[in-house]
Amino acid sequence: METIMAPSAGLREVLASFGSNYRLEHKLPEQQLKAMYAIQHCRTPAMGGRVDSCDHCGHKRIVYNSCRNRHCPQCQGMKQAKWVDKLNTTLLPVSYFHLVFTIPSELNRLALVNQKCLYDILFKAASESLLLLSRDKKYLNVQSGLLAVLHTWGQNLMDHPHLHTIVPSGGWCQTAQCWRPSSKKFFIPVKVISAVFKGKFLALLKQAHRQNQLKFDGQIKPLHLKGNFKALLNLVYAKEWVVYAKKPFKNSAHIVNYLSRYTHRVAISNDRITGIEGDQVIFNWKDYRELGRIKSMKLPAAEFIRRFLLHVLPKGFCKIRYYGILAFRNRNEILLKCKKVLAYSSSKSKLAGLSWQDTLLVITGMDILKCPVCKKGNMVTTELLIGNRAPPESVAIFVP
């Protein structure tokens, strides 16, 4: 049996080998179909491209366009670098806490069927919990803020919706017009945060149910009966919800380095896919129940694709959000006051206003305008190659 080894066994190769049969055998929504097409044809003639020629030695090269789909593991580097550069101009020179909000696994299937609604509730419940408690006189009595990033997967690619939040160690005291720091060890006791988060999430979920915002399709169809939905609520009410608090970051430089690995990550990177053996896909994963031990998993290609598609987000859904003093509407007022009293001048952007070629030069040190052969001439675009970013009708049919 032939085994294709990495790097040729990336996500694009998996979809190229097995995607057509999967689409024939499964009814897929439009966003998943578009994501499959984009990833499969990323940096291929289907995306179009250009022919560059050296103005000194005549060397030619063909460059195909990226698909720019946010679920493609090949297309996140430039976005990530620009986002990190912009974040550097925003964060305050204080330590930061990392809190992870997770919902009980009993709600995972409901979240899959109602992605936008449930993920919005997750963002709202987590952000309101932290902002409410930071304003409480029993704790900090300040206006704080947070940055929240949605992840929907576990290492085995199964659905595991959770929110990574980064919170500064303190906040702005409106009364005293000063920055008031929190404890160095914790922001607010996690048991308190967990209890408030649980109450807010379930209150919002019940509200969505009353307003008929939830769908009950497939395996969760029985939940459309009022008694069944109430039984689910009772089950998750009885469980203890845990907000996980990680070790605090010392300063904004540490947090930027950490977040750069998290914000633009997709469900699986190409370097984790180690091979294709027959109709099986082999990939590495971390088993956190065994202290992060690296293991190898082999799945039928159809199951691998199914798991990956669980994490294709709804069109236009924003998975990185800012709240409180870090919200965009507050950056020119409260955030500037915080920086002033902390005697901090924001870092200047390194990438603002640069062309994509110059941006690539700053990020990677690669000058793509210089001829790689003679090292003297410049590469000039002499021909545009027309592609088709939109999938053919046979692929892009919307299946409700």
Protein backbone atom coordinates (compact mmCIF):
# COMPACT_ATOMS: atom_id res chain seq x y z
CA MET A 1 0.00 0.00 0.00
CA GLU A 2 1.47 3.36 -1.05
CA THR A 3 1.92 6.01 1.61
CA ILE A 4 2.27 9.70 0.66
CA MET A 5 4.52 11.35 3.23
CA ALA A 6 4.53 15.03 4.26
CA PRO A 7 4.97 17.71 3.04
CA SER A 8 3.04 16.43 -0.02
CA ALA A 9 0.38 15.09 2.33
CA GLY A 10 -1.08 18.41 3.43
CA LEU A 11 -4.73 19.39 3.74
CA ARG A 12 -4.87 20.42 0.08
CA GLU A 13 -3.73 16.95 -1.00
CA VAL A 14 -6.29 15.27 1.26
CA LEU A 15 -9.12 17.31 -0.27
CA ALA A 16 -7.77 16.78 -3.80
CA SER A 17 -7.73 13.02 -3.28
CA PHE A 18 -10.97 12.52 -1.40
CA GLY A 19 -12.97 15.76 -1.61
CA SER A 20 -14.97 14.93 -4.74
CA ASN A 21 -16.34 11.66 -3.34
CA TYR A 22 -17.09 13.33 -0.02
CA ARG A 23 -19.16 16.05 -1.72
CA LEU A 24 -21.09 13.43 -3.69
CA GLU A 25 -21.92 11.45 -0.56
CA HIS A 26 -22.76 14.31 1.81
CA LYS A 27 -25.05 17.33 1.75
CA LEU A 28 -22.90 20.32 2.64
CA PRO A 29 -23.72 24.00 3.29
CA GLU A 30 -22.32 26.67 1.02
CA GLN A 31 -19.56 27.83 3.37
CA GLN A 32 -18.09 24.34 3.65
CA LEU A 33 -18.20 23.80 -0.10
CA LYS A 34 -16.44 27.09 -0.73
CA ALA A 35 -13.81 26.36 1.89
CA MET A 36 -13.08 22.94 0.38
CA TYR A 37 -12.74 24.40 -3.11
CA ALA A 38 -10.51 27.26 -1.96
CA ILE A 39 -8.12 25.09 0.08
CA GLN A 40 -7.91 22.41 -2.62
CA HIS A 41 -7.00 24.97 -5.30
CA CYS A 42 -4.86 27.34 -3.22
CA ARG A 43 -1.73 28.40 -5.14
CA THR A 44 -2.74 26.46 -8.23
CA PRO A 45 -3.71 27.67 -11.75
CA ALA A 46 -7.37 27.68 -10.67
CA MET A 47 -6.66 30.74 -8.49
CA GLY A 48 -4.94 32.63 -11.29
CA GLY A 49 -1.55 34.25 -10.92
CA ARG A 50 1.13 36.06 -12.82
CA VAL A 51 4.33 35.58 -14.83
CA ASP A 52 7.32 37.58 -13.58
CA SER A 53 10.38 38.21 -15.75
CA CYS A 54 13.81 39.51 -14.77
CA ASP A 55 14.64 42.80 -16.50
CA HIS A 56 18.32 41.85 -16.53
CA CYS A 57 18.72 38.14 -17.36
CA GLY A 58 15.24 37.25 -18.61
CA HIS A 59 14.56 34.58 -15.96
CA LYS A 60 10.85 33.79 -15.70
CA ARG A 61 8.78 32.45 -12.83
CA ILE A 62 5.10 31.66 -12.43
CA VAL A 63 3.44 32.66 -9.17
CA TYR A 64 -0.07 31.38 -8.40
CA ASN A 65 -2.40 33.28 -6.09
CA SER A 66 -3.38 32.21 -2.60
CA CYS A 67 -7.02 31.41 -1.94
CA ARG A 68 -7.09 33.77 1.08
CA ASN A 69 -9.74 31.60 2.76
CA ARG A 70 -9.45 31.96 6.53
CA HIS A 71 -9.68 28.19 7.01
CA CYS A 72 -6.70 27.50 4.73
CA PRO A 73 -3.49 26.59 6.59
CA GLN A 74 -1.37 28.18 3.82
CA CYS A 75 -2.97 31.63 3.87
CA GLN A 76 -2.67 32.89 7.44
CA GLY A 77 0.93 34.11 7.64
CA MET A 78 0.50 37.62 6.24
CA LYS A 79 -2.78 38.21 8.10
CA GLN A 80 -1.20 37.03 11.32
CA ALA A 81 1.83 39.31 10.97
CA LYS A 82 -0.33 42.38 10.22
CA TRP A 83 -2.62 41.63 13.15
CA VAL A 84 0.30 41.22 15.57
CA ASP A 85 1.88 44.45 14.30
CA LYS A 86 -1.37 46.33 14.94
CA LEU A 87 -1.82 44.73 18.36
CA ASN A 88 1.62 45.95 19.39
CA THR A 89 0.36 49.52 19.07
CA THR A 90 -2.63 48.82 21.35
CA LEU A 91 -1.63 46.77 24.39
CA LEU A 92 -0.66 48.39 27.70
CA PRO A 93 2.69 47.78 29.48
CA VAL A 94 1.17 45.59 32.21
CA SER A 95 0.95 41.87 32.89
CA TYR A 96 -1.95 39.90 31.42
CA PHE A 97 -4.11 36.99 32.50
CA HIS A 98 -5.16 34.19 30.17
CA LEU A 99 -8.61 32.74 30.90
CA VAL A 100 -10.24 29.94 28.87
CA PHE A 101 -14.04 29.63 28.79
CA THR A 102 -15.45 26.23 27.80
CA ILE A 103 -19.04 25.01 27.59
CA PRO A 104 -20.11 21.50 28.71
CA SER A 105 -19.78 18.84 26.02
CA GLU A 106 -23.54 18.20 26.21
CA LEU A 107 -24.01 21.52 24.36
CA ASN A 108 -21.52 20.77 21.56
CA ARG A 109 -24.06 19.28 19.15
CA LEU A 110 -26.46 22.18 19.72
CA ALA A 111 -23.59 24.58 19.01
CA LEU A 112 -22.75 22.82 15.73
CA VAL A 113 -26.30 23.19 14.43
CA ASN A 114 -26.53 26.78 15.69
CA GLN A 115 -22.98 28.00 15.24
CA LYS A 116 -23.55 31.75 14.94
CA CYS A 117 -26.11 31.91 17.74
CA LEU A 118 -24.22 29.74 20.26
CA TYR A 119 -20.80 31.22 19.51
CA ASP A 120 -22.23 34.74 19.90
CA ILE A 121 -23.68 33.68 23.25
CA LEU A 122 -20.27 32.32 24.28
CA PHE A 123 -18.59 35.65 23.46
CA LYS A 124 -21.30 37.67 25.19
CA ALA A 125 -21.46 35.56 28.35
CA ALA A 126 -17.67 35.51 28.82
CA SER A 127 -17.12 39.22 28.12
CA GLU A 128 -20.05 40.39 30.25
CA SER A 129 -18.91 38.20 33.14
CA LEU A 130 -15.40 39.66 33.18
CA LEU A 131 -16.48 43.29 32.69
CA LEU A 132 -19.25 43.02 35.29
CA LEU A 133 -16.97 41.50 37.93
CA SER A 134 -14.17 43.99 37.26
CA ARG A 135 -16.63 46.83 37.98
CA ASP A 136 -17.80 45.19 41.21
CA LYS A 137 -16.63 47.07 44.33
CA LYS A 138 -15.89 43.74 46.03
CA TYR A 139 -13.12 43.09 43.51
CA LEU A 140 -11.49 45.83 41.43
CA ASN A 141 -14.10 48.57 40.92
CA VAL A 142 -12.53 49.49 37.57
CA GLN A 143 -13.32 49.46 33.90
CA SER A 144 -11.19 46.70 32.42
CA GLY A 145 -11.10 45.08 29.00
CA LEU A 146 -10.35 41.88 27.18
CA LEU A 147 -9.43 40.34 23.88
CA ALA A 148 -11.31 37.12 23.01
CA VAL A 149 -10.42 34.48 20.39
CA LEU A 150 -12.76 31.63 19.44
CA HIS A 151 -11.46 28.10 18.93
CA THR A 152 -13.87 25.30 18.07
CA TRP A 153 -11.62 22.23 17.96
CA GLY A 154 -9.63 19.86 20.08
CA GLN A 155 -6.37 18.23 19.02
CA ASN A 156 -8.28 15.22 17.65
CA LEU A 157 -10.33 17.60 15.43
CA MET A 158 -13.56 16.90 17.30
CA ASP A 159 -15.85 19.79 18.20
CA HIS A 160 -14.69 21.56 21.36
CA PRO A 161 -15.87 25.19 21.34
CA HIS A 162 -13.94 27.38 23.76
CA LEU A 163 -12.88 30.99 24.11
CA HIS A 164 -9.35 32.19 24.85
CA THR A 165 -9.49 35.56 26.62
CA ILE A 166 -6.64 37.87 27.51
CA VAL A 167 -7.28 40.36 30.32
CA PRO A 168 -4.95 43.13 31.58
CA SER A 169 -4.06 42.94 35.27
CA GLY A 170 -6.16 45.89 36.37
CA GLY A 171 -8.27 48.63 34.86
CA TRP A 172 -9.18 52.28 34.69
CA CYS A 173 -10.67 53.79 37.85
CA GLN A 174 -13.04 56.50 36.69
CA THR A 175 -13.41 58.04 40.17
CA ALA A 176 -9.71 58.44 40.92
CA GLN A 177 -8.74 58.87 37.24
CA CYS A 178 -5.91 56.36 37.59
CA TRP A 179 -4.84 52.87 36.65
CA ARG A 180 -5.69 50.43 39.45
CA PRO A 181 -3.75 47.12 39.29
CA SER A 182 -5.21 43.77 40.28
CA SER A 183 -3.47 41.08 42.27
CA LYS A 184 -0.37 39.77 40.54
CA LYS A 185 -1.56 36.18 40.97
CA PHE A 186 -5.13 36.41 39.69
CA PHE A 187 -7.59 38.83 38.12
CA ILE A 188 -10.75 37.72 39.94
CA PRO A 189 -11.24 34.31 41.64
CA VAL A 190 -11.97 31.78 38.89
CA LYS A 191 -14.76 30.13 40.87
CA VAL A 192 -16.60 33.44 40.91
CA ILE A 193 -16.02 33.95 37.18
CA SER A 194 -17.18 30.38 36.47
CA ALA A 195 -20.44 30.83 38.37
CA VAL A 196 -21.28 34.16 36.70
CA PHE A 197 -20.35 32.81 33.25
CA LYS A 198 -22.56 29.75 33.72
CA GLY A 199 -25.53 31.87 34.77
CA LYS A 200 -25.15 34.37 31.93
CA PHE A 201 -24.62 31.71 29.25
CA LEU A 202 -27.68 29.69 30.22
CA ALA A 203 -29.84 32.81 30.60
CA LEU A 204 -28.88 33.87 27.08
CA LEU A 205 -29.50 30.34 25.79
CA LYS A 206 -33.00 30.28 27.29
CA GLN A 207 -33.67 33.70 25.78
CA ALA A 208 -32.60 32.48 22.34
CA HIS A 209 -34.91 29.48 22.74
CA ARG A 210 -37.88 31.67 23.73
CA GLN A 211 -37.26 33.90 20.70
CA ASN A 212 -37.14 30.87 18.35
CA GLN A 213 -33.53 31.58 17.35
CA LEU A 214 -32.44 27.94 17.70
CA LYS A 215 -32.69 25.20 15.07
CA PHE A 216 -33.11 21.55 15.98
CA ASP A 217 -31.94 19.44 13.04
CA GLY A 218 -30.41 16.00 12.73
CA GLN A 219 -29.40 14.30 15.97
CA ILE A 220 -30.77 17.13 18.13
CA LYS A 221 -34.21 17.17 16.52
CA PRO A 222 -35.86 15.78 19.71
CA LEU A 223 -34.79 18.99 21.50
CA HIS A 224 -37.56 20.91 19.73
CA LEU A 225 -39.86 19.38 22.35
CA LYS A 226 -40.04 21.72 25.34
CA GLY A 227 -39.56 18.92 27.86
CA ASN A 228 -36.41 17.62 26.18
CA PHE A 229 -34.86 21.07 25.95
CA LYS A 230 -35.63 21.71 29.62
CA ALA A 231 -34.03 18.38 30.54
CA LEU A 232 -30.86 19.44 28.69
CA LEU A 233 -30.82 22.74 30.58
CA ASN A 234 -31.27 20.93 33.89
CA LEU A 235 -28.39 18.61 33.03
CA VAL A 236 -25.92 21.42 32.28
CA TYR A 237 -27.21 23.51 35.21
CA ALA A 238 -26.27 20.64 37.54
CA LYS A 239 -22.72 20.48 36.19
CA GLU A 240 -19.85 22.55 37.53
CA TRP A 241 -18.57 24.90 34.84
CA VAL A 242 -14.85 25.59 35.05
CA VAL A 243 -13.06 28.64 33.68
CA TYR A 244 -9.42 27.67 33.29
CA ALA A 245 -6.85 30.26 34.36
CA LYS A 246 -3.37 29.92 32.90
CA LYS A 247 -0.18 31.42 34.28
CA PRO A 248 -0.19 35.23 33.78
CA PHE A 249 1.96 36.86 31.11
CA LYS A 250 4.66 39.20 32.39
CA ASN A 251 4.17 41.92 29.78
CA SER A 252 2.68 42.74 26.39
CA ALA A 253 5.66 41.30 24.49
CA HIS A 254 4.99 37.86 25.98
CA ILE A 255 1.31 38.04 25.16
CA VAL A 256 1.93 39.08 21.55
CA ASN A 257 4.29 36.14 21.04
CA TYR A 258 1.69 33.80 22.53
CA LEU A 259 -1.30 35.18 20.64
CA SER A 260 0.53 35.06 17.33
CA ARG A 261 0.36 31.27 17.62
CA TYR A 262 -3.34 31.26 18.46
CA THR A 263 -5.31 33.94 16.63
CA HIS A 264 -5.01 32.82 13.01
CA ARG A 265 -4.65 29.12 13.63
CA VAL A 266 -6.93 26.77 11.67
CA ALA A 267 -8.23 23.40 12.87
CA ILE A 268 -5.13 21.56 11.64
CA SER A 269 -1.84 22.70 10.12
CA ASN A 270 -0.14 20.97 7.22
CA ASP A 271 2.84 19.92 9.32
CA ARG A 272 0.57 17.83 11.56
CA ILE A 273 -0.59 15.71 8.61
CA THR A 274 2.12 13.09 8.26
CA GLY A 275 0.78 10.81 5.55
CA ILE A 276 -1.99 9.39 3.40
CA GLU A 277 -2.19 5.59 3.39
CA GLY A 278 -4.81 4.21 1.03
CA ASP A 279 -8.06 5.86 2.12
CA GLN A 280 -6.65 6.74 5.56
CA VAL A 281 -5.22 10.09 6.72
CA ILE A 282 -2.49 10.04 9.38
CA PHE A 283 -1.87 13.06 11.61
CA ASN A 284 -0.22 13.94 14.90
CA TRP A 285 -2.11 15.19 17.94
CA LYS A 286 -1.42 16.07 21.56
CA ASP A 287 -3.14 14.04 24.23
CA TYR A 288 -3.52 16.51 27.10
CA ARG A 289 -4.84 13.77 29.36
CA GLU A 290 -1.30 12.37 29.15
CA LEU A 291 0.47 15.69 29.74
CA GLY A 292 0.54 16.69 26.08
CA ARG A 293 2.11 13.49 24.77
CA ILE A 294 2.36 13.49 20.95
CA LYS A 295 0.46 10.62 19.37
CA SER A 296 -0.37 9.54 15.84
CA MET A 297 -3.98 9.09 14.73
CA LYS A 298 -5.21 7.34 11.59
CA LEU A 299 -8.71 8.18 10.34
CA PRO A 300 -10.68 7.24 7.23
CA ALA A 301 -10.43 10.19 4.84
CA ALA A 302 -14.19 10.81 4.98
CA GLU A 303 -14.10 11.05 8.79
CA PHE A 304 -11.04 13.32 8.67
CA ILE A 305 -12.80 15.69 6.24
CA ARG A 306 -15.99 15.58 8.32
CA ARG A 307 -14.08 16.59 11.44
CA PHE A 308 -12.24 19.39 9.65
CA LEU A 309 -15.46 20.84 8.23
CA LEU A 310 -16.97 21.03 11.72
CA HIS A 311 -14.78 24.10 12.21
CA VAL A 312 -15.70 26.11 9.11
CA LEU A 313 -17.27 29.24 10.56
CA PRO A 314 -20.40 30.97 9.23
CA LYS A 315 -19.86 33.65 6.60
CA GLY A 316 -18.74 36.94 8.11
CA PHE A 317 -18.46 35.56 11.63
CA CYS A 318 -15.83 37.48 13.64
CA LYS A 319 -13.72 35.12 15.74
CA ILE A 320 -11.49 37.81 17.33
CA ARG A 321 -13.28 40.44 19.41
CA TYR A 322 -12.34 43.29 21.75
CA TYR A 323 -14.24 44.59 24.77
CA GLY A 324 -14.07 47.29 27.43
CA ILE A 325 -11.03 49.55 27.33
CA LEU A 326 -9.63 47.47 24.43
CA ALA A 327 -12.74 47.97 22.29
CA PHE A 328 -12.22 50.14 19.21
CA ARG A 329 -14.67 52.81 20.43
CA ASN A 330 -12.60 53.29 23.62
CA ARG A 331 -9.10 53.32 22.16
CA ASN A 332 -9.04 57.07 21.56
CA GLU A 333 -10.31 57.93 25.04
CA ILE A 334 -9.94 55.55 27.96
CA LEU A 335 -7.03 53.59 26.50
CA LEU A 336 -5.12 56.81 25.85
CA LYS A 337 -5.73 57.90 29.46
CA CYS A 338 -4.36 54.56 30.68
CA LYS A 339 -1.24 54.96 28.56
CA LYS A 340 -0.75 58.51 29.80
CA VAL A 341 -0.89 57.64 33.51
CA LEU A 342 1.33 54.60 32.88
CA ALA A 343 3.78 56.88 31.05
CA TYR A 344 3.74 54.63 28.02
CA SER A 345 4.22 55.57 24.40
CA SER A 346 2.70 53.07 22.01
CA SER A 347 4.94 51.10 19.71
CA LYS A 348 4.83 52.35 16.17
CA SER A 349 3.53 50.09 13.44
CA LYS A 350 6.22 48.51 11.28
CA LEU A 351 3.86 47.49 8.48
CA ALA A 352 1.35 50.32 8.13
CA GLY A 353 1.32 51.77 4.62
CA LEU A 354 3.71 49.19 3.16
CA SER A 355 3.03 47.35 -0.09
CA TRP A 356 2.58 43.59 0.19
CA GLN A 357 6.07 43.08 -1.29
CA ASP A 358 7.65 45.36 1.32
CA THR A 359 5.51 43.74 4.04
CA LEU A 360 6.84 40.33 3.02
CA LEU A 361 10.39 41.71 3.11
CA VAL A 362 9.91 42.97 6.69
CA ILE A 363 8.28 39.72 7.84
CA THR A 364 10.51 37.14 6.16
CA GLY A 365 13.53 39.07 4.90
CA MET A 366 12.67 37.81 1.41
CA ASP A 367 12.94 40.37 -1.39
CA ILE A 368 10.69 38.87 -4.06
CA LEU A 369 11.37 41.78 -6.40
CA LYS A 370 15.04 40.77 -6.75
CA CYS A 371 15.86 38.12 -9.36
CA PRO A 372 16.76 34.83 -7.57
CA VAL A 373 19.08 33.80 -10.44
CA CYS A 374 21.28 36.73 -11.43
CA LYS A 375 20.77 38.69 -8.16
CA LYS A 376 21.06 41.92 -10.19
CA GLY A 377 17.81 42.45 -12.02
CA ASN A 378 14.28 43.05 -10.75
CA MET A 379 11.34 40.76 -11.35
CA VAL A 380 8.65 42.56 -13.32
CA THR A 381 5.17 41.19 -13.95
CA THR A 382 4.79 40.61 -17.69
CA GLU A 383 1.61 38.56 -17.83
CA LEU A 384 -1.49 38.01 -15.69
CA LEU A 385 -2.97 34.52 -15.48
CA ILE A 386 -6.74 34.47 -15.14
CA GLY A 387 -8.24 31.99 -12.72
CA ASN A 388 -11.64 31.35 -11.20
CA ARG A 389 -11.84 31.94 -7.45
CA ALA A 390 -15.51 31.04 -7.40
CA PRO A 391 -16.12 27.29 -7.42
CA PRO A 392 -17.86 25.81 -10.48
CA GLU A 393 -21.64 25.44 -10.25
CA SER A 394 -21.26 21.69 -9.83
CA VAL A 395 -19.33 22.33 -6.61
CA ALA A 396 -20.96 25.50 -5.29
CA ILE A 397 -24.56 24.32 -5.20
CA PHE A 398 -26.06 25.39 -1.89
CA VAL A 399 -27.43 22.46 0.07
CA PRO A 400 -29.57 23.59 3.05
